[in-house]
Amino acid sequence: MAFDASGDSGNRTDFDTLIVGSGFAGLAMAIELRRQGQADFAILERAAEVGGTWRDNNYPGCACDVQSHLYSFSFEQNPEWSRMFAKQGEIWSYLRACADKYGLRPHLRFGADVVSARWDDADQRWRLATRDGRRFSGRVLVSGMGGLSNPAIPKLKGRETFEGVQFHSAQWRHDVDLTGKRIAVIGTGASAIQFVPQIRKTAARVDLYQRTPPWIVPKPDREISARERGLFKRFPLLQDAYRKAIYWMLEARVLGFTVDPRLMKLFEKVALGHLKRQIPDETLRAKLTPDYTIGCKRILISNDYYPALAQPNVEVITDGVREIRAHSVVDEQGVEREVDVLIWGTGFQASDPVARGTFFGKDGVDIIDAWKNGAEAYKGTTMTGFPNLFLIVGPNTGLGHSSMVFIIESQVRYIGDALRTLRQRRLATAEVRPQALRKFNDGLQARIGRAVWNTGGCQSWYLDANGRNVTLWPGATWQFRRLTRRFDAQAYRLEAARVATSVDA
């Protein structure tokens, strides 16, 4: 059902709850608040429209690598998905439609790029500043920024001296015509395997700088017929059953990731067969064959990446980049290749998504200092020293096998129960107890140490600078759902309001 929109004029700055970000996480949290009958919240969005990563990542070929019917809200299933794996534009449209249907537009504050968030212990409120000079405050702060929101660009020698056009895949320059251009692509992650097959069609040449080859398996993509869409629309229970079937199919893969990495040999055979069929040239195939256990890095899916690399206008370079010059890239062997456009396909700051000087908890402690030994949170959601701060897609909530939307909904329900508990008990703040945080994360790291991500013999964005996996959840998603099914108040320090405020706690 749709919700009536609030009569908020947009000029208010003080709220009960502030939500940062309007991707899947931020929208889900806002919808949960509306379901609870709460309207005293604002969504701070740095861009001019909702959508998060599905707004920003609009490079050629951008699409989801989880089946559409699972990569969507359980309470807002879409019978009209056109493909098994939806493309960027369709997912972005879905998120905009959710914002409209659930009456979230009046709660949105666009152009609100949060540059600092400080806990005011005297007033028991979070105080936020945005890049354009606005100030907001909220009793509760929910971060829906996610780990794939800030691009990572390596500090290679001479990067600033390049006189051609350069951009990251998440900041695609659609105004730049790549026809006939000499293009250097640095990075071979999930984004690059989608855009390289597209740009090579018109480029004069594509030099692809590969540090480590990814494991790639076939993508079981196809159009969803009008008949199928009609059945899903007429029989919602059929679509729900289809969604559950996809869920359990993907969930079975967790056994190889976390229980017995030897099971990954089955996936490895599939991937090697895929590589052999699509790359007949033995020299190129050797370049593209990983030397680490499959699953150690993110497993990618594609039907057109390997064929693109076999084309005469594409060269895979495995020597690394020594230097970038005004009009060229020099590899580690000293070979210089002239280029017109440089595209960074180097992913995001997933293990360190928050910049120093942004989040400050009690006693002015920077969140980066709180994480000096590695990012961690209780159930990936709360932190000691940061009352009423809730992280969606926080440390160790990422997945290597299923849909992040499932994790997001689990966390949103947990946070929603926490806020409901505070209201019912007439309390102002919740702060996880240090012993609860420590026990949870010690157990989590013990489990993750046996997983393929830590034992597979690779370096990946799953690991932080200390080699600690602070990104992924080491288990099944249903285990995380069970863990977060209710707010466990006994693990928290709960406080009543110490001062009278204009916001009802």
Protein backbone atom coordinates (compact mmCIF):
# COMPACT_ATOMS: atom_id res chain seq x y z
CA MET A 1 0.00 0.00 0.00
CA ALA A 2 1.09 3.58 -0.55
CA PHE A 3 1.65 6.01 2.30
CA ASP A 4 0.38 9.54 2.49
CA ALA A 5 3.18 12.08 2.15
CA SER A 6 4.14 14.26 5.08
CA GLY A 7 3.41 17.95 4.95
CA ASP A 8 7.05 18.77 5.66
CA SER A 9 8.00 22.06 3.99
CA GLY A 10 11.65 21.06 3.62
CA ASN A 11 12.92 23.88 5.84
CA ARG A 12 13.20 21.89 9.07
CA THR A 13 16.61 20.91 10.33
CA ASP A 14 15.87 19.02 13.59
CA PHE A 15 14.42 15.53 13.44
CA ASP A 16 14.03 12.43 15.53
CA THR A 17 15.89 10.32 12.94
CA LEU A 18 18.34 11.19 10.20
CA ILE A 19 19.08 8.72 7.41
CA VAL A 20 22.18 9.23 5.25
CA GLY A 21 21.85 7.86 1.72
CA SER A 22 18.90 6.92 -0.49
CA GLY A 23 19.93 3.64 -2.06
CA PHE A 24 18.36 0.32 -1.10
CA ALA A 25 19.48 0.77 2.52
CA GLY A 26 18.26 4.32 3.09
CA LEU A 27 14.93 3.75 1.37
CA ALA A 28 14.31 0.51 3.27
CA MET A 29 14.94 2.27 6.59
CA ALA A 30 12.64 5.13 5.68
CA ILE A 31 9.88 2.72 4.62
CA GLU A 32 10.23 0.87 7.93
CA LEU A 33 9.78 4.13 9.83
CA ARG A 34 6.67 4.94 7.84
CA ARG A 35 5.32 1.46 8.58
CA GLN A 36 5.78 2.17 12.28
CA GLY A 37 3.78 5.37 11.90
CA GLN A 38 6.86 7.57 12.28
CA ALA A 39 7.17 10.63 10.09
CA ASP A 40 9.76 12.66 12.01
CA PHE A 41 12.76 11.81 9.86
CA ALA A 42 14.82 13.13 6.97
CA ILE A 43 16.86 11.36 4.32
CA LEU A 44 20.07 13.22 3.48
CA GLU A 45 21.19 12.50 -0.08
CA ARG A 46 24.30 14.06 -1.62
CA ALA A 47 23.01 13.74 -5.20
CA ALA A 48 19.91 15.17 -6.86
CA GLU A 49 17.93 11.93 -6.99
CA VAL A 50 17.54 8.69 -5.06
CA GLY A 51 19.25 5.47 -6.08
CA GLY A 52 22.68 5.20 -4.48
CA THR A 53 25.04 2.94 -6.37
CA TRP A 54 22.37 2.26 -9.00
CA ARG A 55 22.15 5.96 -9.76
CA ASP A 56 25.91 6.57 -9.80
CA ASN A 57 27.08 3.48 -11.66
CA ASN A 58 25.62 4.06 -15.10
CA TYR A 59 28.54 2.96 -17.24
CA PRO A 60 27.87 1.03 -20.48
CA GLY A 61 26.76 -2.52 -19.74
CA CYS A 62 26.05 -1.93 -16.05
CA ALA A 63 23.78 -4.64 -14.66
CA CYS A 64 23.18 -6.62 -11.49
CA ASP A 65 24.96 -9.92 -10.85
CA VAL A 66 22.16 -11.25 -8.62
CA GLN A 67 18.85 -12.34 -10.15
CA SER A 68 16.35 -9.49 -10.35
CA HIS A 69 13.60 -11.27 -8.40
CA LEU A 70 15.88 -11.62 -5.38
CA TYR A 71 17.68 -8.30 -5.76
CA SER A 72 14.61 -6.32 -4.72
CA PHE A 73 12.57 -5.70 -1.59
CA SER A 74 10.62 -8.70 -0.30
CA PHE A 75 7.69 -6.40 0.44
CA GLU A 76 7.80 -4.74 -2.98
CA GLN A 77 8.32 -7.51 -5.50
CA ASN A 78 8.29 -6.44 -9.10
CA PRO A 79 6.53 -8.71 -11.60
CA GLU A 80 7.71 -6.53 -14.48
CA TRP A 81 11.46 -7.29 -14.44
CA SER A 82 12.44 -7.62 -18.10
CA ARG A 83 15.55 -9.78 -17.59
CA MET A 84 16.82 -12.40 -15.16
CA PHE A 85 19.63 -9.96 -14.30
CA ALA A 86 18.27 -6.44 -14.47
CA LYS A 87 20.26 -3.64 -16.03
CA GLN A 88 21.15 -0.46 -14.16
CA GLY A 89 18.39 1.70 -15.58
CA GLU A 90 15.65 -0.73 -14.61
CA ILE A 91 16.91 -1.07 -11.02
CA TRP A 92 17.21 2.70 -10.69
CA SER A 93 13.63 3.09 -11.95
CA TYR A 94 12.49 0.52 -9.38
CA LEU A 95 14.10 2.51 -6.54
CA ARG A 96 12.58 5.79 -7.72
CA ALA A 97 9.18 4.09 -7.89
CA CYS A 98 9.63 2.84 -4.30
CA ALA A 99 10.40 6.37 -3.11
CA ASP A 100 7.21 7.59 -4.77
CA LYS A 101 4.92 4.77 -3.67
CA TYR A 102 5.91 4.95 -0.01
CA GLY A 103 5.66 8.73 0.24
CA LEU A 104 9.35 9.39 0.86
CA ARG A 105 9.82 12.42 -1.38
CA PRO A 106 8.90 15.01 1.29
CA HIS A 107 11.52 13.48 3.60
CA LEU A 108 14.36 13.77 1.10
CA ARG A 109 17.01 16.49 1.31
CA PHE A 110 18.97 16.49 -1.93
CA GLY A 111 22.43 17.98 -2.33
CA ALA A 112 23.06 17.14 1.33
CA ASP A 113 26.56 15.69 1.20
CA VAL A 114 27.39 14.96 4.84
CA VAL A 115 30.91 16.14 5.70
CA SER A 116 30.71 15.67 9.47
CA ALA A 117 28.50 13.96 12.02
CA ARG A 118 29.16 14.61 15.73
CA TRP A 119 27.51 13.15 18.80
CA ASP A 120 26.43 15.87 21.25
CA ASP A 121 26.41 14.02 24.55
CA ALA A 122 24.88 16.90 26.50
CA ASP A 123 21.81 17.02 24.25
CA GLN A 124 21.95 13.33 23.32
CA ARG A 125 21.71 14.17 19.64
CA TRP A 126 23.69 13.80 16.45
CA ARG A 127 24.67 17.04 14.74
CA LEU A 128 25.45 16.90 11.04
CA ALA A 129 26.99 19.40 8.64
CA THR A 130 26.69 19.17 4.86
CA ARG A 131 29.06 20.42 2.20
CA ASP A 132 26.70 23.23 1.18
CA GLY A 133 26.67 24.65 4.71
CA ARG A 134 23.41 23.23 6.03
CA ARG A 135 23.12 21.89 9.58
CA PHE A 136 20.87 19.04 10.75
CA SER A 137 20.34 17.30 14.06
CA GLY A 138 18.72 14.03 15.01
CA ARG A 139 18.36 11.86 18.07
CA VAL A 140 19.07 8.83 15.89
CA LEU A 141 21.50 8.58 12.96
CA VAL A 142 21.22 5.74 10.44
CA SER A 143 24.00 5.39 7.88
CA GLY A 144 22.80 3.91 4.62
CA MET A 145 25.91 4.90 2.69
CA GLY A 146 27.09 1.34 2.07
CA GLY A 147 30.56 0.15 1.18
CA LEU A 148 30.40 0.78 -2.57
CA SER A 149 29.82 4.51 -2.56
CA ASN A 150 33.32 6.03 -2.65
CA PRO A 151 35.50 5.16 -5.67
CA ALA A 152 39.04 3.91 -5.07
CA ILE A 153 41.72 5.25 -7.40
CA PRO A 154 45.31 4.08 -6.81
CA LYS A 155 48.02 6.69 -6.31
CA LEU A 156 50.09 5.83 -9.34
CA LYS A 157 53.04 7.96 -10.33
CA GLY A 158 52.10 10.73 -12.75
CA ARG A 159 48.33 10.29 -12.50
CA GLU A 160 47.84 14.05 -12.14
CA THR A 161 49.98 14.79 -15.21
CA PHE A 162 47.72 12.93 -17.67
CA GLU A 163 46.40 15.42 -20.21
CA GLY A 164 43.77 13.22 -21.80
CA VAL A 165 40.37 12.43 -20.30
CA GLN A 166 40.32 10.22 -17.21
CA PHE A 167 37.42 9.06 -15.03
CA HIS A 168 36.33 6.26 -12.71
CA SER A 169 33.66 3.83 -13.88
CA ALA A 170 31.33 5.12 -11.12
CA GLN A 171 31.70 8.66 -12.52
CA TRP A 172 31.27 7.81 -16.17
CA ARG A 173 31.72 10.66 -18.63
CA HIS A 174 28.85 10.15 -21.04
CA ASP A 175 29.85 13.39 -22.75
CA VAL A 176 33.10 11.79 -23.93
CA ASP A 177 32.82 10.03 -27.30
CA LEU A 178 35.04 6.94 -27.15
CA THR A 179 34.72 6.19 -30.87
CA GLY A 180 38.15 5.76 -32.42
CA LYS A 181 39.93 6.49 -29.15
CA ARG A 182 42.94 4.73 -27.66
CA ILE A 183 41.71 3.71 -24.22
CA ALA A 184 43.59 2.42 -21.20
CA VAL A 185 41.50 0.56 -18.63
CA ILE A 186 43.15 -0.03 -15.27
CA GLY A 187 41.45 -2.73 -13.22
CA THR A 188 39.54 -5.91 -14.02
CA GLY A 189 36.82 -6.04 -11.37
CA ALA A 190 33.06 -6.39 -11.58
CA SER A 191 32.57 -3.06 -13.37
CA ALA A 192 35.35 -3.53 -15.93
CA ILE A 193 34.07 -6.90 -17.09
CA GLN A 194 30.79 -5.20 -17.93
CA PHE A 195 32.00 -2.04 -19.66
CA VAL A 196 35.06 -3.36 -21.53
CA PRO A 197 32.96 -5.47 -23.95
CA GLN A 198 30.88 -2.36 -24.70
CA ILE A 199 33.62 0.23 -25.23
CA ARG A 200 35.83 -2.02 -27.35
CA LYS A 201 33.13 -2.13 -30.05
CA THR A 202 33.94 1.42 -31.17
CA ALA A 203 37.38 2.09 -29.68
CA ALA A 204 40.48 2.10 -31.84
CA ARG A 205 42.31 0.19 -29.12
CA VAL A 206 41.74 -0.90 -25.53
CA ASP A 207 44.74 -1.61 -23.29
CA LEU A 208 43.48 -3.56 -20.30
CA TYR A 209 45.85 -3.48 -17.32
CA GLN A 210 45.20 -6.55 -15.21
CA ARG A 211 46.85 -7.04 -11.83
CA THR A 212 45.06 -10.29 -10.97
CA PRO A 213 42.69 -12.19 -13.26
CA PRO A 214 39.21 -12.72 -11.82
CA TRP A 215 37.38 -16.03 -11.77
CA ILE A 216 34.46 -15.79 -14.19
CA VAL A 217 31.54 -18.16 -14.66
CA PRO A 218 28.77 -18.08 -17.28
CA LYS A 219 25.91 -15.64 -16.72
CA PRO A 220 22.55 -17.43 -16.94
CA ASP A 221 20.80 -14.32 -18.22
CA ARG A 222 17.80 -14.13 -20.52
CA GLU A 223 14.75 -12.04 -21.21
CA ILE A 224 11.71 -12.72 -19.02
CA SER A 225 8.83 -13.33 -21.39
CA ALA A 226 5.59 -11.36 -21.39
CA ARG A 227 3.80 -14.57 -20.43
CA GLU A 228 6.01 -15.06 -17.39
CA ARG A 229 5.54 -11.43 -16.34
CA GLY A 230 1.80 -11.80 -16.72
CA LEU A 231 1.76 -14.89 -14.52
CA PHE A 232 3.84 -13.18 -11.84
CA LYS A 233 1.50 -10.19 -11.89
CA ARG A 234 -1.62 -12.33 -11.70
CA PHE A 235 -0.26 -14.78 -9.11
CA PRO A 236 2.04 -12.98 -6.64
CA LEU A 237 2.52 -16.21 -4.68
CA LEU A 238 4.09 -17.75 -7.78
CA GLN A 239 6.63 -14.96 -7.96
CA ASP A 240 7.31 -15.30 -4.26
CA ALA A 241 7.95 -19.03 -4.71
CA TYR A 242 10.27 -18.28 -7.63
CA ARG A 243 12.16 -15.76 -5.48
CA LYS A 244 12.54 -18.34 -2.70
CA ALA A 245 13.84 -20.93 -5.17
CA ILE A 246 16.51 -18.49 -6.34
CA TYR A 247 17.37 -17.69 -2.72
CA TRP A 248 17.99 -21.30 -1.72
CA MET A 249 19.89 -22.04 -4.91
CA LEU A 250 22.32 -19.21 -4.13
CA GLU A 251 22.41 -20.04 -0.43
CA ALA A 252 23.76 -23.51 -1.15
CA ARG A 253 26.97 -21.89 -2.38
CA VAL A 254 27.86 -20.71 1.11
CA LEU A 255 29.02 -24.22 1.98
CA GLY A 256 32.06 -23.85 -0.26
CA PHE A 257 32.80 -20.31 0.88
CA THR A 258 32.68 -20.83 4.62
CA VAL A 259 32.30 -24.50 5.59
CA ASP A 260 34.61 -26.49 3.32
CA PRO A 261 36.62 -24.50 0.72
CA ARG A 262 37.44 -27.78 -1.03
CA LEU A 263 33.92 -27.67 -2.42
CA MET A 264 34.97 -24.64 -4.47
CA LYS A 265 36.71 -27.06 -6.86
CA LEU A 266 33.30 -27.65 -8.44
CA PHE A 267 32.96 -23.94 -9.24
CA GLU A 268 36.55 -23.87 -10.42
CA LYS A 269 35.87 -26.58 -13.00
CA VAL A 270 32.90 -24.60 -14.33
CA ALA A 271 34.99 -21.43 -14.56
CA LEU A 272 37.96 -23.13 -16.25
CA GLY A 273 35.64 -24.78 -18.76
CA HIS A 274 34.07 -21.40 -19.50
CA LEU A 275 37.52 -19.86 -20.03
CA LYS A 276 38.69 -22.68 -22.31
CA ARG A 277 35.57 -22.52 -24.48
CA GLN A 278 35.74 -18.76 -24.95
CA ILE A 279 39.52 -18.24 -25.19
CA PRO A 280 41.09 -20.76 -27.61
CA ASP A 281 44.44 -18.91 -27.67
CA GLU A 282 46.64 -20.60 -25.07
CA THR A 283 48.85 -17.56 -24.41
CA LEU A 284 45.90 -15.29 -23.67
CA ARG A 285 44.21 -18.04 -21.68
CA ALA A 286 47.30 -18.34 -19.47
CA LYS A 287 47.09 -14.60 -18.72
CA LEU A 288 43.45 -14.96 -17.74
CA THR A 289 43.85 -18.06 -15.53
CA PRO A 290 43.82 -17.20 -11.80
CA ASP A 291 46.38 -18.78 -9.47
CA TYR A 292 44.26 -18.60 -6.31
CA THR A 293 41.23 -20.50 -5.03
CA ILE A 294 37.98 -19.49 -6.65
CA GLY A 295 35.89 -17.38 -4.26
CA CYS A 296 38.91 -15.78 -2.59
CA LYS A 297 38.01 -12.72 -4.64
CA ARG A 298 34.52 -11.93 -5.85
CA ILE A 299 33.35 -14.48 -8.44
CA LEU A 300 32.17 -12.63 -11.52
CA ILE A 301 29.63 -13.63 -14.14
CA SER A 302 29.84 -12.75 -17.83
CA ASN A 303 29.23 -14.19 -21.28
CA ASP A 304 30.88 -11.43 -23.30
CA TYR A 305 34.03 -10.44 -21.36
CA TYR A 306 36.33 -13.20 -22.59
CA PRO A 307 35.21 -12.88 -26.24
CA ALA A 308 35.91 -9.13 -26.02
CA LEU A 309 39.47 -9.75 -24.83
CA ALA A 310 40.08 -12.04 -27.80
CA GLN A 311 39.36 -9.22 -30.27
CA PRO A 312 42.30 -7.71 -32.22
CA ASN A 313 41.77 -4.19 -30.78
CA VAL A 314 42.12 -5.37 -27.16
CA GLU A 315 45.38 -6.17 -25.37
CA VAL A 316 45.59 -7.65 -21.88
CA ILE A 317 48.65 -6.29 -20.07
CA THR A 318 49.78 -8.10 -16.93
CA ASP A 319 53.03 -6.24 -16.21
CA GLY A 320 51.47 -3.56 -14.01
CA VAL A 321 51.66 0.22 -14.32
CA ARG A 322 54.96 1.94 -13.55
CA GLU A 323 53.98 5.47 -14.53
CA ILE A 324 51.35 7.60 -16.18
CA ARG A 325 52.54 10.38 -18.47
CA ALA A 326 50.80 13.23 -20.26
CA HIS A 327 49.60 11.08 -23.15
CA SER A 328 50.63 7.54 -22.28
CA VAL A 329 50.83 4.73 -19.76
CA VAL A 330 54.16 2.99 -19.04
CA ASP A 331 54.10 -0.58 -17.75
CA GLU A 332 56.57 -2.20 -15.36
CA GLN A 333 58.66 -3.47 -18.28
CA GLY A 334 59.10 0.08 -19.55
CA VAL A 335 56.77 -0.32 -22.52
CA GLU A 336 54.99 2.97 -23.24
CA ARG A 337 51.56 2.97 -24.86
CA GLU A 338 49.91 6.17 -26.04
CA VAL A 339 46.32 6.68 -24.89
CA ASP A 340 43.60 9.29 -25.27
CA VAL A 341 41.30 8.18 -22.44
CA LEU A 342 42.10 6.56 -19.09
CA ILE A 343 39.29 4.69 -17.33
CA TRP A 344 39.67 3.48 -13.76
CA GLY A 345 37.93 0.19 -13.11
CA THR A 346 39.45 -0.08 -9.66
CA GLY A 347 36.39 -0.49 -7.49
CA PHE A 348 35.54 1.16 -4.19
CA GLN A 349 36.89 1.81 -0.72
CA ALA A 350 34.85 -1.10 0.66
CA SER A 351 37.02 -1.88 3.70
CA ASP A 352 37.46 1.80 4.59
CA PRO A 353 34.31 3.57 3.37
CA VAL A 354 34.34 6.46 5.88
CA ALA A 355 36.95 9.19 5.66
CA ARG A 356 38.78 10.46 8.72
CA GLY A 357 37.15 13.56 10.14
CA THR A 358 33.59 12.54 9.27
CA PHE A 359 32.03 10.59 12.18
CA PHE A 360 32.76 11.57 15.80
CA GLY A 361 31.29 9.71 18.76
CA LYS A 362 31.47 10.31 22.51
CA ASP A 363 34.37 12.50 23.68
CA GLY A 364 34.97 13.51 20.07
CA VAL A 365 36.48 10.15 19.11
CA ASP A 366 36.86 9.78 15.33
CA ILE A 367 35.35 6.55 14.03
CA ILE A 368 38.66 5.86 12.27
CA ASP A 369 40.44 5.87 15.63
CA ALA A 370 37.77 3.60 17.07
CA TRP A 371 38.61 1.28 14.17
CA LYS A 372 42.39 1.52 14.51
CA ASN A 373 42.62 -2.29 14.66
CA GLY A 374 40.08 -2.75 11.86
CA ALA A 375 36.46 -1.81 11.28
CA GLU A 376 33.99 -3.71 13.42
CA ALA A 377 30.45 -3.39 14.72
CA TYR A 378 28.01 -5.43 16.76
CA LYS A 379 26.00 -7.49 14.28
CA GLY A 380 27.44 -5.16 11.65
CA THR A 381 25.15 -2.44 12.97
CA THR A 382 26.17 -0.66 16.20
CA MET A 383 29.37 0.52 17.91
CA THR A 384 30.46 1.24 21.46
CA GLY A 385 31.08 4.95 21.94
CA PHE A 386 28.61 5.91 19.20
CA PRO A 387 25.14 6.01 20.81
CA ASN A 388 22.15 5.85 18.49
CA LEU A 389 24.35 5.34 15.43
CA PHE A 390 23.13 2.46 13.28
CA LEU A 391 25.10 1.24 10.28
CA ILE A 392 23.35 -0.52 7.42
CA VAL A 393 25.80 -2.63 5.41
CA GLY A 394 28.34 -2.04 8.15
CA PRO A 395 31.49 -4.11 8.80
CA ASN A 396 31.25 -7.82 7.97
CA THR A 397 27.78 -7.70 6.45
CA GLY A 398 28.87 -8.04 2.80
CA LEU A 399 28.16 -11.17 0.78
CA GLY A 400 29.99 -13.22 -1.77
CA HIS A 401 27.11 -15.50 -2.66
CA SER A 402 23.67 -13.88 -2.42
CA SER A 403 21.63 -10.68 -2.43
CA MET A 404 22.64 -7.73 -0.24
CA VAL A 405 19.00 -6.64 -0.16
CA PHE A 406 18.30 -9.60 2.14
CA ILE A 407 21.00 -8.39 4.55
CA ILE A 408 19.71 -4.81 4.34
CA GLU A 409 16.16 -5.86 5.22
CA SER A 410 17.49 -7.90 8.16
CA GLN A 411 19.38 -4.92 9.55
CA VAL A 412 16.47 -2.56 8.97
CA ARG A 413 14.16 -4.82 10.96
CA TYR A 414 16.71 -4.96 13.78
CA ILE A 415 17.10 -1.17 13.82
CA GLY A 416 13.35 -0.70 13.59
CA ASP A 417 12.87 -2.96 16.61
CA ALA A 418 15.54 -1.00 18.48
CA LEU A 419 13.80 2.31 17.84
CA ARG A 420 10.44 0.81 18.75
CA THR A 421 11.93 -0.46 22.02
CA LEU A 422 13.30 2.97 22.89
CA ARG A 423 9.92 4.56 22.26
CA GLN A 424 8.02 1.98 24.27
CA ARG A 425 10.37 2.26 27.24
CA ARG A 426 10.58 6.07 26.93
CA LEU A 427 14.34 5.93 26.52
CA ALA A 428 16.56 8.27 24.56
CA THR A 429 19.70 6.34 23.64
CA ALA A 430 21.09 2.87 22.99
CA GLU A 431 24.82 2.09 22.98
CA VAL A 432 26.13 -1.44 22.60
CA ARG A 433 28.12 -2.67 25.59
CA PRO A 434 31.84 -3.13 24.89
CA GLN A 435 31.83 -6.74 26.08
CA ALA A 436 28.98 -7.59 23.68
CA LEU A 437 30.84 -5.96 20.79
CA ARG A 438 34.08 -7.77 21.67
CA LYS A 439 32.49 -11.20 22.08
CA PHE A 440 30.58 -10.90 18.82
CA ASN A 441 33.57 -9.83 16.73
CA ASP A 442 36.03 -12.27 18.27
CA GLY A 443 33.64 -15.07 17.35
CA LEU A 444 33.08 -13.63 13.88
CA GLN A 445 36.80 -13.34 13.11
CA ALA A 446 37.39 -16.89 14.33
CA ARG A 447 34.78 -18.11 11.86
CA ILE A 448 35.94 -15.98 8.97
CA GLY A 449 39.54 -17.08 9.40
CA ARG A 450 38.59 -20.50 8.04
CA ALA A 451 36.69 -19.16 5.03
CA VAL A 452 37.97 -19.18 1.46
CA TRP A 453 38.33 -15.38 1.45
CA ASN A 454 41.10 -15.68 4.04
CA THR A 455 42.65 -18.97 2.97
CA GLY A 456 42.40 -18.79 -0.82
CA GLY A 457 45.79 -17.19 -1.46
CA CYS A 458 44.79 -13.79 -2.84
CA GLN A 459 44.65 -10.11 -1.97
CA SER A 460 41.20 -8.60 -2.36
CA TRP A 461 39.08 -5.61 -1.41
CA TYR A 462 37.52 -7.86 1.22
CA LEU A 463 40.65 -7.30 3.36
CA ASP A 464 41.81 -4.09 5.05
CA ALA A 465 45.38 -2.77 5.19
CA ASN A 466 46.16 -5.20 8.01
CA GLY A 467 44.93 -8.20 6.03
CA ARG A 468 41.83 -8.51 8.22
CA ASN A 469 38.53 -9.38 6.58
CA VAL A 470 36.21 -6.59 7.72
CA THR A 471 33.84 -6.83 4.78
CA LEU A 472 32.09 -10.18 4.51
CA TRP A 473 29.60 -12.11 6.60
CA PRO A 474 31.05 -15.59 7.28
CA GLY A 475 27.89 -17.62 7.04
CA ALA A 476 24.48 -18.11 5.54
CA THR A 477 22.16 -15.15 5.14
CA TRP A 478 19.42 -16.95 7.05
CA GLN A 479 21.82 -17.11 10.01
CA PHE A 480 22.22 -13.34 9.86
CA ARG A 481 18.45 -12.92 9.61
CA ARG A 482 18.00 -15.07 12.73
CA LEU A 483 20.73 -13.14 14.55
CA THR A 484 18.99 -9.82 13.87
CA ARG A 485 15.37 -10.95 14.22
CA ARG A 486 14.88 -8.85 17.36
CA PHE A 487 16.65 -6.07 19.24
CA ASP A 488 18.56 -7.64 22.13
CA ALA A 489 18.30 -4.81 24.66
CA GLN A 490 20.43 -6.68 27.20
CA ALA A 491 23.48 -6.14 24.99
CA TYR A 492 23.04 -2.36 25.22
CA ARG A 493 23.40 0.50 27.65
CA LEU A 494 20.03 2.26 27.54
CA GLU A 495 19.54 5.80 28.83
CA ALA A 496 16.56 8.02 29.40
CA ALA A 497 16.55 11.62 28.22
CA ARG A 498 18.76 13.82 30.41
CA VAL A 499 17.47 17.11 29.03
CA ALA A 500 14.14 18.30 27.71
CA THR A 501 14.11 18.54 23.93
CA SER A 502 11.57 19.50 21.32
CA VAL A 503 11.72 16.01 19.87
CA ASP A 504 9.73 13.28 21.59
CA ALA A 505 12.00 10.39 22.45
